[in-house]
Amino acid sequence: MSLKTITVEELKSKQEVDSALQLIDVRTPAEYAAVHVRFAENVPLDELDANAIQQARQLPDHPLYVICKMGGRSAKACQKFIDVGIENVINVTGGTDAWVQAGYDASRSGKKVMALDRQVRISAGMLVVAGVVLSATMQPVWVGQAVAGAIGAGLVFSGLTDTCGMGAVLSKMPWNKS
C-alpha cells in the first residue's frame, strides 16, 4: 500500500467540517510544546505503538492524520501503522512548519526549542571536528580518524536507510522532553 498524503490546506478544511478529526504529532515533547496544531495530540515517534493507538481510538474506522515538523517523521509513523495492517492513516505534507506558514491557528509556549534535525547536524559536526582534533594531537593518529570515519559511515547509513540512530538517541535527551 502506498502512503496517503494531505496538504495542510486540505486538513484545515476537513477539520472545520469534522471537529472529531484525529491528528497526532510525532515530534519530541519539547518540539510539540514549542508550537503545535491546536487539535493535535503528541505521540513521539520513538514511543509510537500503532496497535495501541488504534485500539484506543474512539472512531477507529475514520482516518488518522499524522504530522511532524516537515513530513519526514510523520511518513515513518504512517508506515508503522501500515506495517501492522492499519491503512487509514494519512501523512500531512509540509508538517507543522507548513501549517504555521499558512497562518493557521497554532499553540505556542514561547519557549525556543531546537529541532531534532538541527541537533543531529550539530552533534555530527562536533564529532567530526573532535575526530580531526584528535588526529592532529594524538598518537596514534588513527584514533581521531576512526571517530571522523565512524560519523561519516553513520551519515551514509542514515541516508541510505532513511533512519537516524543519532536522532533516536537525541530524542531521549532531557532537553527534548517537555
N, C-alpha and C. Protein backbone atom coordinates (compact mmCIF):
# COMPACT_ATOMS: atom_id res chain seq x y z
N MET A 1 0.84 -1.18 0.00
CA MET A 1 0.00 0.00 0.00
C MET A 1 0.88 1.24 0.00
N SER A 2 0.50 2.22 -0.77
CA SER A 2 1.27 3.47 -0.82
C SER A 2 0.77 4.44 0.26
N LEU A 3 1.66 5.32 0.62
CA LEU A 3 1.38 6.30 1.66
C LEU A 3 0.40 7.36 1.15
N LYS A 4 -0.67 7.57 1.90
CA LYS A 4 -1.63 8.62 1.55
C LYS A 4 -1.15 9.93 2.18
N THR A 5 -1.36 11.03 1.45
CA THR A 5 -0.94 12.33 1.95
C THR A 5 -2.07 13.34 1.84
N ILE A 6 -1.91 14.42 2.60
CA ILE A 6 -2.87 15.52 2.57
C ILE A 6 -2.08 16.81 2.83
N THR A 7 -2.49 17.90 2.22
CA THR A 7 -1.84 19.18 2.48
C THR A 7 -2.45 19.80 3.73
N VAL A 8 -1.76 20.79 4.28
CA VAL A 8 -2.30 21.46 5.46
C VAL A 8 -3.60 22.20 5.12
N GLU A 9 -3.70 22.70 3.90
CA GLU A 9 -4.93 23.39 3.48
C GLU A 9 -6.12 22.42 3.46
N GLU A 10 -5.88 21.21 2.95
CA GLU A 10 -6.94 20.20 2.92
C GLU A 10 -7.30 19.75 4.33
N LEU A 11 -6.28 19.60 5.18
CA LEU A 11 -6.53 19.20 6.57
C LEU A 11 -7.36 20.26 7.29
N LYS A 12 -7.02 21.51 7.10
CA LYS A 12 -7.76 22.61 7.73
C LYS A 12 -9.22 22.58 7.31
N SER A 13 -9.47 22.38 6.01
CA SER A 13 -10.85 22.31 5.51
C SER A 13 -11.61 21.14 6.14
N LYS A 14 -10.97 20.00 6.24
CA LYS A 14 -11.61 18.82 6.83
C LYS A 14 -11.91 19.05 8.31
N GLN A 15 -10.97 19.68 9.02
CA GLN A 15 -11.15 19.90 10.45
C GLN A 15 -12.26 20.89 10.72
N GLU A 16 -12.46 21.85 9.84
CA GLU A 16 -13.55 22.81 10.01
C GLU A 16 -14.92 22.14 9.90
N VAL A 17 -14.99 21.05 9.16
CA VAL A 17 -16.24 20.31 8.96
C VAL A 17 -16.39 19.20 10.00
N ASP A 18 -15.29 18.61 10.43
CA ASP A 18 -15.30 17.46 11.32
C ASP A 18 -14.43 17.73 12.54
N SER A 19 -15.04 18.18 13.64
CA SER A 19 -14.27 18.50 14.84
C SER A 19 -13.74 17.25 15.54
N ALA A 20 -14.21 16.06 15.14
CA ALA A 20 -13.73 14.82 15.73
C ALA A 20 -12.50 14.28 15.01
N LEU A 21 -12.04 14.99 13.99
CA LEU A 21 -10.87 14.58 13.23
C LEU A 21 -9.70 14.38 14.19
N GLN A 22 -8.96 13.28 14.01
CA GLN A 22 -7.86 12.97 14.92
C GLN A 22 -6.53 13.18 14.23
N LEU A 23 -5.67 13.96 14.88
CA LEU A 23 -4.34 14.30 14.38
C LEU A 23 -3.33 14.00 15.47
N ILE A 24 -2.31 13.21 15.14
CA ILE A 24 -1.23 13.01 16.10
C ILE A 24 0.04 13.66 15.55
N ASP A 25 0.80 14.24 16.47
CA ASP A 25 2.05 14.93 16.18
C ASP A 25 3.16 14.06 16.74
N VAL A 26 4.07 13.59 15.88
CA VAL A 26 5.07 12.62 16.30
C VAL A 26 6.44 13.23 16.64
N ARG A 27 6.48 14.56 16.82
CA ARG A 27 7.74 15.21 17.21
C ARG A 27 8.02 14.97 18.70
N THR A 28 9.20 15.40 19.13
CA THR A 28 9.54 15.26 20.55
C THR A 28 8.60 16.14 21.38
N PRO A 29 8.43 15.80 22.66
CA PRO A 29 7.57 16.63 23.51
C PRO A 29 8.01 18.10 23.56
N ALA A 30 9.31 18.36 23.53
CA ALA A 30 9.79 19.74 23.57
C ALA A 30 9.42 20.49 22.29
N GLU A 31 9.57 19.83 21.13
CA GLU A 31 9.20 20.45 19.86
C GLU A 31 7.69 20.74 19.84
N TYR A 32 6.93 19.76 20.29
CA TYR A 32 5.47 19.90 20.34
C TYR A 32 5.07 21.05 21.26
N ALA A 33 5.70 21.13 22.43
CA ALA A 33 5.37 22.19 23.39
C ALA A 33 5.66 23.57 22.81
N ALA A 34 6.72 23.68 22.03
CA ALA A 34 7.09 24.98 21.47
C ALA A 34 6.03 25.51 20.51
N VAL A 35 5.53 24.66 19.61
CA VAL A 35 4.47 25.05 18.68
C VAL A 35 3.82 23.79 18.12
N HIS A 36 2.50 23.78 18.12
CA HIS A 36 1.78 22.65 17.54
C HIS A 36 0.38 23.06 17.10
N VAL A 37 -0.16 22.27 16.19
CA VAL A 37 -1.54 22.46 15.74
C VAL A 37 -2.43 22.22 16.96
N ARG A 38 -3.34 23.13 17.22
CA ARG A 38 -4.13 23.10 18.46
C ARG A 38 -4.83 21.77 18.74
N PHE A 39 -5.33 21.11 17.71
CA PHE A 39 -6.10 19.89 17.94
C PHE A 39 -5.24 18.62 17.81
N ALA A 40 -3.93 18.79 17.73
CA ALA A 40 -3.03 17.63 17.62
C ALA A 40 -2.71 17.07 19.00
N GLU A 41 -2.56 15.76 19.04
CA GLU A 41 -2.15 15.06 20.25
C GLU A 41 -0.70 14.62 20.04
N ASN A 42 0.14 14.77 21.06
CA ASN A 42 1.55 14.41 20.93
C ASN A 42 1.78 12.93 21.25
N VAL A 43 2.33 12.22 20.27
CA VAL A 43 2.77 10.84 20.43
C VAL A 43 4.14 10.75 19.75
N PRO A 44 5.23 10.94 20.51
CA PRO A 44 6.56 10.95 19.90
C PRO A 44 6.83 9.67 19.09
N LEU A 45 7.50 9.84 17.97
CA LEU A 45 7.77 8.72 17.06
C LEU A 45 8.46 7.56 17.78
N ASP A 46 9.41 7.86 18.66
CA ASP A 46 10.14 6.78 19.33
C ASP A 46 9.29 6.05 20.37
N GLU A 47 8.10 6.55 20.68
CA GLU A 47 7.20 5.91 21.64
C GLU A 47 5.94 5.39 20.96
N LEU A 48 5.85 5.53 19.65
CA LEU A 48 4.62 5.21 18.93
C LEU A 48 4.37 3.70 18.88
N ASP A 49 3.22 3.29 19.38
CA ASP A 49 2.76 1.91 19.30
C ASP A 49 1.48 1.94 18.47
N ALA A 50 1.60 1.61 17.20
CA ALA A 50 0.48 1.74 16.26
C ALA A 50 -0.75 0.95 16.71
N ASN A 51 -0.56 -0.26 17.18
CA ASN A 51 -1.70 -1.07 17.61
C ASN A 51 -2.40 -0.47 18.82
N ALA A 52 -1.63 0.01 19.79
CA ALA A 52 -2.22 0.61 21.00
C ALA A 52 -3.00 1.87 20.65
N ILE A 53 -2.45 2.68 19.76
CA ILE A 53 -3.16 3.90 19.36
C ILE A 53 -4.46 3.55 18.65
N GLN A 54 -4.39 2.60 17.75
CA GLN A 54 -5.59 2.20 17.00
C GLN A 54 -6.66 1.65 17.95
N GLN A 55 -6.26 0.85 18.92
CA GLN A 55 -7.22 0.29 19.87
C GLN A 55 -7.85 1.35 20.76
N ALA A 56 -7.12 2.42 21.06
CA ALA A 56 -7.62 3.47 21.94
C ALA A 56 -8.49 4.49 21.22
N ARG A 57 -8.50 4.47 19.90
CA ARG A 57 -9.25 5.47 19.13
C ARG A 57 -10.75 5.27 19.30
N GLN A 58 -11.47 6.38 19.46
CA GLN A 58 -12.92 6.32 19.60
C GLN A 58 -13.60 6.01 18.27
N LEU A 59 -13.00 6.47 17.18
CA LEU A 59 -13.55 6.22 15.84
C LEU A 59 -12.45 5.58 14.98
N PRO A 60 -12.17 4.28 15.23
CA PRO A 60 -11.05 3.63 14.55
C PRO A 60 -11.20 3.49 13.04
N ASP A 61 -12.41 3.60 12.53
CA ASP A 61 -12.62 3.49 11.08
C ASP A 61 -12.37 4.81 10.36
N HIS A 62 -12.32 5.92 11.10
CA HIS A 62 -12.05 7.22 10.49
C HIS A 62 -10.55 7.36 10.24
N PRO A 63 -10.18 8.19 9.28
CA PRO A 63 -8.75 8.40 9.01
C PRO A 63 -8.03 8.98 10.23
N LEU A 64 -6.79 8.60 10.37
CA LEU A 64 -5.92 9.15 11.39
C LEU A 64 -4.87 9.96 10.65
N TYR A 65 -4.77 11.23 10.98
CA TYR A 65 -3.82 12.13 10.33
C TYR A 65 -2.59 12.23 11.21
N VAL A 66 -1.41 12.27 10.56
CA VAL A 66 -0.14 12.28 11.28
C VAL A 66 0.70 13.44 10.78
N ILE A 67 1.27 14.20 11.73
CA ILE A 67 2.04 15.40 11.39
C ILE A 67 3.34 15.41 12.19
N CYS A 68 4.34 16.08 11.65
CA CYS A 68 5.60 16.32 12.37
C CYS A 68 6.06 17.73 12.01
N LYS A 69 7.34 17.97 11.95
CA LYS A 69 7.84 19.30 11.60
C LYS A 69 7.64 19.60 10.12
N MET A 70 8.10 18.67 9.25
CA MET A 70 8.02 18.92 7.80
C MET A 70 7.42 17.75 7.02
N GLY A 71 7.26 16.60 7.62
CA GLY A 71 6.64 15.47 6.93
C GLY A 71 7.45 14.18 6.91
N GLY A 72 8.71 14.23 7.28
CA GLY A 72 9.55 13.03 7.25
C GLY A 72 9.25 12.04 8.36
N ARG A 73 9.23 12.52 9.59
CA ARG A 73 8.94 11.62 10.72
C ARG A 73 7.50 11.13 10.67
N SER A 74 6.58 11.99 10.23
CA SER A 74 5.18 11.55 10.15
C SER A 74 5.01 10.48 9.08
N ALA A 75 5.79 10.55 8.01
CA ALA A 75 5.74 9.49 6.99
C ALA A 75 6.21 8.16 7.59
N LYS A 76 7.26 8.21 8.41
CA LYS A 76 7.74 7.00 9.08
C LYS A 76 6.68 6.46 10.03
N ALA A 77 6.00 7.36 10.74
CA ALA A 77 4.95 6.93 11.66
C ALA A 77 3.81 6.27 10.89
N CYS A 78 3.42 6.86 9.77
CA CYS A 78 2.36 6.28 8.94
C CYS A 78 2.76 4.88 8.50
N GLN A 79 4.02 4.72 8.13
CA GLN A 79 4.49 3.40 7.69
C GLN A 79 4.41 2.38 8.81
N LYS A 80 4.63 2.81 10.05
CA LYS A 80 4.48 1.90 11.19
C LYS A 80 3.05 1.38 11.28
N PHE A 81 2.09 2.26 11.04
CA PHE A 81 0.69 1.84 11.06
C PHE A 81 0.41 0.87 9.91
N ILE A 82 0.87 1.23 8.73
CA ILE A 82 0.65 0.39 7.55
C ILE A 82 1.28 -0.99 7.74
N ASP A 83 2.46 -1.03 8.34
CA ASP A 83 3.17 -2.30 8.55
C ASP A 83 2.39 -3.28 9.44
N VAL A 84 1.53 -2.76 10.32
CA VAL A 84 0.72 -3.65 11.17
C VAL A 84 -0.71 -3.79 10.65
N GLY A 85 -0.93 -3.34 9.41
CA GLY A 85 -2.22 -3.55 8.77
C GLY A 85 -3.24 -2.45 8.96
N ILE A 86 -2.84 -1.32 9.51
CA ILE A 86 -3.75 -0.19 9.71
C ILE A 86 -3.51 0.78 8.56
N GLU A 87 -4.46 0.85 7.64
CA GLU A 87 -4.23 1.59 6.40
C GLU A 87 -4.91 2.94 6.32
N ASN A 88 -5.75 3.28 7.28
CA ASN A 88 -6.46 4.56 7.20
C ASN A 88 -5.68 5.67 7.90
N VAL A 89 -4.38 5.76 7.57
CA VAL A 89 -3.50 6.82 8.09
C VAL A 89 -3.08 7.72 6.94
N ILE A 90 -2.97 9.01 7.25
CA ILE A 90 -2.66 9.99 6.21
C ILE A 90 -1.58 10.93 6.73
N ASN A 91 -0.52 11.08 5.94
CA ASN A 91 0.60 11.95 6.29
C ASN A 91 0.29 13.39 5.87
N VAL A 92 0.52 14.33 6.77
CA VAL A 92 0.31 15.74 6.47
C VAL A 92 1.61 16.29 5.88
N THR A 93 1.59 16.57 4.57
CA THR A 93 2.80 17.05 3.90
C THR A 93 3.10 18.48 4.34
N GLY A 94 4.37 18.76 4.50
CA GLY A 94 4.80 20.09 4.93
C GLY A 94 4.80 20.26 6.43
N GLY A 95 4.04 19.43 7.13
CA GLY A 95 4.04 19.40 8.58
C GLY A 95 3.62 20.69 9.27
N THR A 96 4.02 20.78 10.52
CA THR A 96 3.68 21.93 11.35
C THR A 96 4.25 23.22 10.76
N ASP A 97 5.43 23.12 10.14
CA ASP A 97 6.01 24.30 9.51
C ASP A 97 5.06 24.88 8.47
N ALA A 98 4.48 24.02 7.62
CA ALA A 98 3.55 24.48 6.58
C ALA A 98 2.26 25.02 7.21
N TRP A 99 1.80 24.40 8.29
CA TRP A 99 0.60 24.85 8.99
C TRP A 99 0.80 26.28 9.49
N VAL A 100 1.93 26.51 10.13
CA VAL A 100 2.23 27.85 10.67
C VAL A 100 2.42 28.85 9.53
N GLN A 101 3.14 28.46 8.48
CA GLN A 101 3.37 29.36 7.33
C GLN A 101 2.06 29.73 6.65
N ALA A 102 1.08 28.83 6.69
CA ALA A 102 -0.22 29.12 6.08
C ALA A 102 -1.03 30.10 6.94
N GLY A 103 -0.55 30.38 8.15
CA GLY A 103 -1.23 31.33 9.02
C GLY A 103 -2.34 30.72 9.86
N TYR A 104 -2.38 29.39 9.95
CA TYR A 104 -3.42 28.73 10.73
C TYR A 104 -3.09 28.79 12.22
N ASP A 105 -4.13 28.67 13.02
CA ASP A 105 -4.01 28.78 14.47
C ASP A 105 -3.13 27.66 15.04
N ALA A 106 -2.18 28.03 15.86
CA ALA A 106 -1.28 27.07 16.49
C ALA A 106 -1.06 27.47 17.94
N SER A 107 -0.83 26.48 18.78
CA SER A 107 -0.50 26.74 20.19
C SER A 107 1.00 26.92 20.29
N ARG A 108 1.40 27.93 21.06
CA ARG A 108 2.82 28.22 21.23
C ARG A 108 3.12 28.42 22.70
N SER A 109 4.28 27.90 23.12
CA SER A 109 4.69 28.08 24.51
C SER A 109 5.55 29.33 24.68
N GLY A 110 6.09 29.84 23.58
CA GLY A 110 7.01 30.96 23.65
C GLY A 110 8.43 30.51 23.93
N LYS A 111 8.59 29.24 24.23
CA LYS A 111 9.90 28.67 24.53
C LYS A 111 10.59 28.29 23.21
N LYS A 112 11.84 28.68 23.06
CA LYS A 112 12.61 28.32 21.87
C LYS A 112 13.13 26.90 22.02
N VAL A 113 12.90 26.09 21.00
CA VAL A 113 13.37 24.71 21.00
C VAL A 113 14.08 24.45 19.69
N MET A 114 15.21 23.76 19.78
CA MET A 114 15.95 23.42 18.57
C MET A 114 15.38 22.12 17.99
N ALA A 115 15.06 22.15 16.71
CA ALA A 115 14.51 20.98 16.04
C ALA A 115 15.51 19.82 16.09
N LEU A 116 14.99 18.61 16.13
CA LEU A 116 15.82 17.43 16.24
C LEU A 116 16.80 17.30 15.08
N ASP A 117 16.39 17.63 13.87
CA ASP A 117 17.31 17.51 12.73
C ASP A 117 18.51 18.45 12.88
N ARG A 118 18.30 19.63 13.44
CA ARG A 118 19.42 20.54 13.69
C ARG A 118 20.34 19.98 14.76
N GLN A 119 19.77 19.38 15.80
CA GLN A 119 20.58 18.77 16.85
C GLN A 119 21.48 17.68 16.28
N VAL A 120 20.94 16.89 15.35
CA VAL A 120 21.72 15.82 14.72
C VAL A 120 22.87 16.41 13.92
N ARG A 121 22.59 17.44 13.12
CA ARG A 121 23.66 18.04 12.30
C ARG A 121 24.75 18.65 13.18
N ILE A 122 24.36 19.32 14.26
CA ILE A 122 25.34 19.92 15.17
C ILE A 122 26.17 18.83 15.84
N SER A 123 25.52 17.79 16.33
CA SER A 123 26.24 16.70 17.00
C SER A 123 27.21 16.00 16.06
N ALA A 124 26.75 15.68 14.86
CA ALA A 124 27.63 15.01 13.88
C ALA A 124 28.82 15.91 13.55
N GLY A 125 28.57 17.19 13.34
CA GLY A 125 29.64 18.12 13.03
C GLY A 125 30.65 18.23 14.16
N MET A 126 30.15 18.29 15.39
CA MET A 126 31.06 18.38 16.55
C MET A 126 31.91 17.12 16.67
N LEU A 127 31.33 15.96 16.41
CA LEU A 127 32.09 14.72 16.49
C LEU A 127 33.16 14.64 15.40
N VAL A 128 32.85 15.11 14.21
CA VAL A 128 33.84 15.14 13.13
C VAL A 128 34.99 16.08 13.50
N VAL A 129 34.65 17.26 14.00
CA VAL A 129 35.69 18.21 14.42
C VAL A 129 36.54 17.59 15.53
N ALA A 130 35.91 16.92 16.48
CA ALA A 130 36.66 16.27 17.56
C ALA A 130 37.60 15.21 16.97
N GLY A 131 37.14 14.47 15.98
CA GLY A 131 37.99 13.47 15.33
C GLY A 131 39.19 14.08 14.65
N VAL A 132 38.98 15.21 14.00
CA VAL A 132 40.08 15.91 13.33
C VAL A 132 41.08 16.42 14.37
N VAL A 133 40.59 17.00 15.45
CA VAL A 133 41.48 17.50 16.50
C VAL A 133 42.26 16.34 17.12
N LEU A 134 41.59 15.22 17.37
CA LEU A 134 42.28 14.06 17.92
C LEU A 134 43.37 13.56 16.96
N SER A 135 43.05 13.56 15.66
CA SER A 135 44.04 13.13 14.66
C SER A 135 45.28 14.01 14.69
N ALA A 136 45.06 15.30 14.87
CA ALA A 136 46.17 16.25 14.84
C ALA A 136 46.99 16.25 16.13
N THR A 137 46.40 15.79 17.22
CA THR A 137 47.07 15.94 18.52
C THR A 137 47.43 14.63 19.21
N MET A 138 46.89 13.51 18.74
CA MET A 138 47.10 12.25 19.45
C MET A 138 47.98 11.29 18.68
N GLN A 139 48.58 10.41 19.42
CA GLN A 139 49.28 9.27 18.83
C GLN A 139 48.59 8.04 19.41
N PRO A 140 48.20 7.10 18.68
CA PRO A 140 48.28 7.04 17.22
C PRO A 140 47.22 7.90 16.55
N VAL A 141 47.55 8.41 15.40
CA VAL A 141 46.70 9.33 14.64
C VAL A 141 45.37 8.68 14.24
N TRP A 142 45.38 7.40 14.00
CA TRP A 142 44.17 6.73 13.51
C TRP A 142 43.00 6.79 14.48
N VAL A 143 43.22 7.07 15.76
CA VAL A 143 42.13 7.17 16.74
C VAL A 143 41.16 8.29 16.32
N GLY A 144 41.69 9.46 16.04
CA GLY A 144 40.86 10.57 15.61
C GLY A 144 40.23 10.32 14.26
N GLN A 145 40.97 9.67 13.37
CA GLN A 145 40.43 9.36 12.05
C GLN A 145 39.29 8.36 12.15
N ALA A 146 39.40 7.44 13.11
CA ALA A 146 38.33 6.46 13.32
C ALA A 146 37.04 7.13 13.77
N VAL A 147 37.16 8.14 14.64
CA VAL A 147 35.98 8.87 15.10
C VAL A 147 35.30 9.56 13.92
N ALA A 148 36.07 10.30 13.14
CA ALA A 148 35.52 11.01 11.99
C ALA A 148 34.96 10.02 10.97
N GLY A 149 35.68 8.92 10.74
CA GLY A 149 35.21 7.91 9.79
C GLY A 149 33.92 7.25 10.23
N ALA A 150 33.79 6.98 11.53
CA ALA A 150 32.56 6.36 12.05
C ALA A 150 31.36 7.28 11.86
N ILE A 151 31.56 8.56 12.09
CA ILE A 151 30.46 9.51 11.90
C ILE A 151 30.09 9.58 10.42
N GLY A 152 31.09 9.64 9.55
CA GLY A 152 30.82 9.65 8.11
C GLY A 152 30.06 8.41 7.67
N ALA A 153 30.48 7.24 8.16
CA ALA A 153 29.80 5.99 7.82
C ALA A 153 28.36 6.00 8.35
N GLY A 154 28.18 6.54 9.56
CA GLY A 154 26.83 6.64 10.12
C GLY A 154 25.93 7.53 9.29
N LEU A 155 26.47 8.63 8.80
CA LEU A 155 25.68 9.54 7.95
C LEU A 155 25.30 8.88 6.63
N VAL A 156 26.23 8.13 6.05
CA VAL A 156 25.94 7.41 4.81
C VAL A 156 24.85 6.37 5.06
N PHE A 157 24.98 5.60 6.14
CA PHE A 157 23.99 4.58 6.50
C PHE A 157 22.62 5.23 6.71
N SER A 158 22.62 6.36 7.41
CA SER A 158 21.37 7.09 7.66
C SER A 158 20.70 7.51 6.36
N GLY A 159 21.50 8.02 5.44
CA GLY A 159 20.95 8.44 4.15
C GLY A 159 20.42 7.28 3.33
N LEU A 160 21.12 6.16 3.36
CA LEU A 160 20.70 5.00 2.56
C LEU A 160 19.46 4.32 3.13
N THR A 161 19.34 4.29 4.45
CA THR A 161 18.24 3.56 5.09
C THR A 161 17.10 4.46 5.53
N ASP A 162 17.28 5.77 5.44
CA ASP A 162 16.29 6.74 5.91
C ASP A 162 15.97 6.53 7.39
N THR A 163 17.00 6.21 8.16
CA THR A 163 16.88 6.09 9.61
C THR A 163 17.94 6.99 10.23
N CYS A 164 17.82 7.25 11.50
CA CYS A 164 18.83 8.10 12.13
C CYS A 164 19.01 7.68 13.58
N GLY A 165 20.04 6.89 13.82
CA GLY A 165 20.33 6.44 15.18
C GLY A 165 20.65 7.59 16.11
N MET A 166 21.39 8.58 15.60
CA MET A 166 21.73 9.73 16.43
C MET A 166 20.46 10.50 16.81
N GLY A 167 19.55 10.63 15.87
CA GLY A 167 18.28 11.30 16.16
C GLY A 167 17.48 10.56 17.21
N ALA A 168 17.49 9.22 17.13
CA ALA A 168 16.78 8.41 18.12
C ALA A 168 17.37 8.62 19.51
N VAL A 169 18.69 8.68 19.59
CA VAL A 169 19.35 8.90 20.88
C VAL A 169 19.05 10.31 21.39
N LEU A 170 19.21 11.31 20.52
CA LEU A 170 18.98 12.69 20.93
C LEU A 170 17.54 12.94 21.36
N SER A 171 16.58 12.24 20.74
CA SER A 171 15.17 12.46 21.11
C SER A 171 14.89 12.05 22.55
N LYS A 172 15.75 11.22 23.13
CA LYS A 172 15.57 10.76 24.51
C LYS A 172 16.28 11.65 25.53
N MET A 173 17.01 12.64 25.06
CA MET A 173 17.75 13.53 25.96
C MET A 173 16.78 14.41 26.75
N PRO A 174 17.16 14.80 27.96
CA PRO A 174 16.26 15.57 28.83
C PRO A 174 15.76 16.87 28.21
N TRP A 175 16.57 17.55 27.40
CA TRP A 175 16.13 18.81 26.81
C TRP A 175 15.07 18.61 25.72
N ASN A 176 14.86 17.38 25.27
CA ASN A 176 13.82 17.11 24.30
C ASN A 176 12.52 16.61 24.92
N LYS A 177 12.50 16.60 26.21
CA LYS A 177 11.26 16.27 26.95
C LYS A 177 10.64 17.58 27.40
N SER A 178 9.33 17.60 27.52
CA SER A 178 8.68 18.88 27.90
C SER A 178 8.74 19.15 29.37
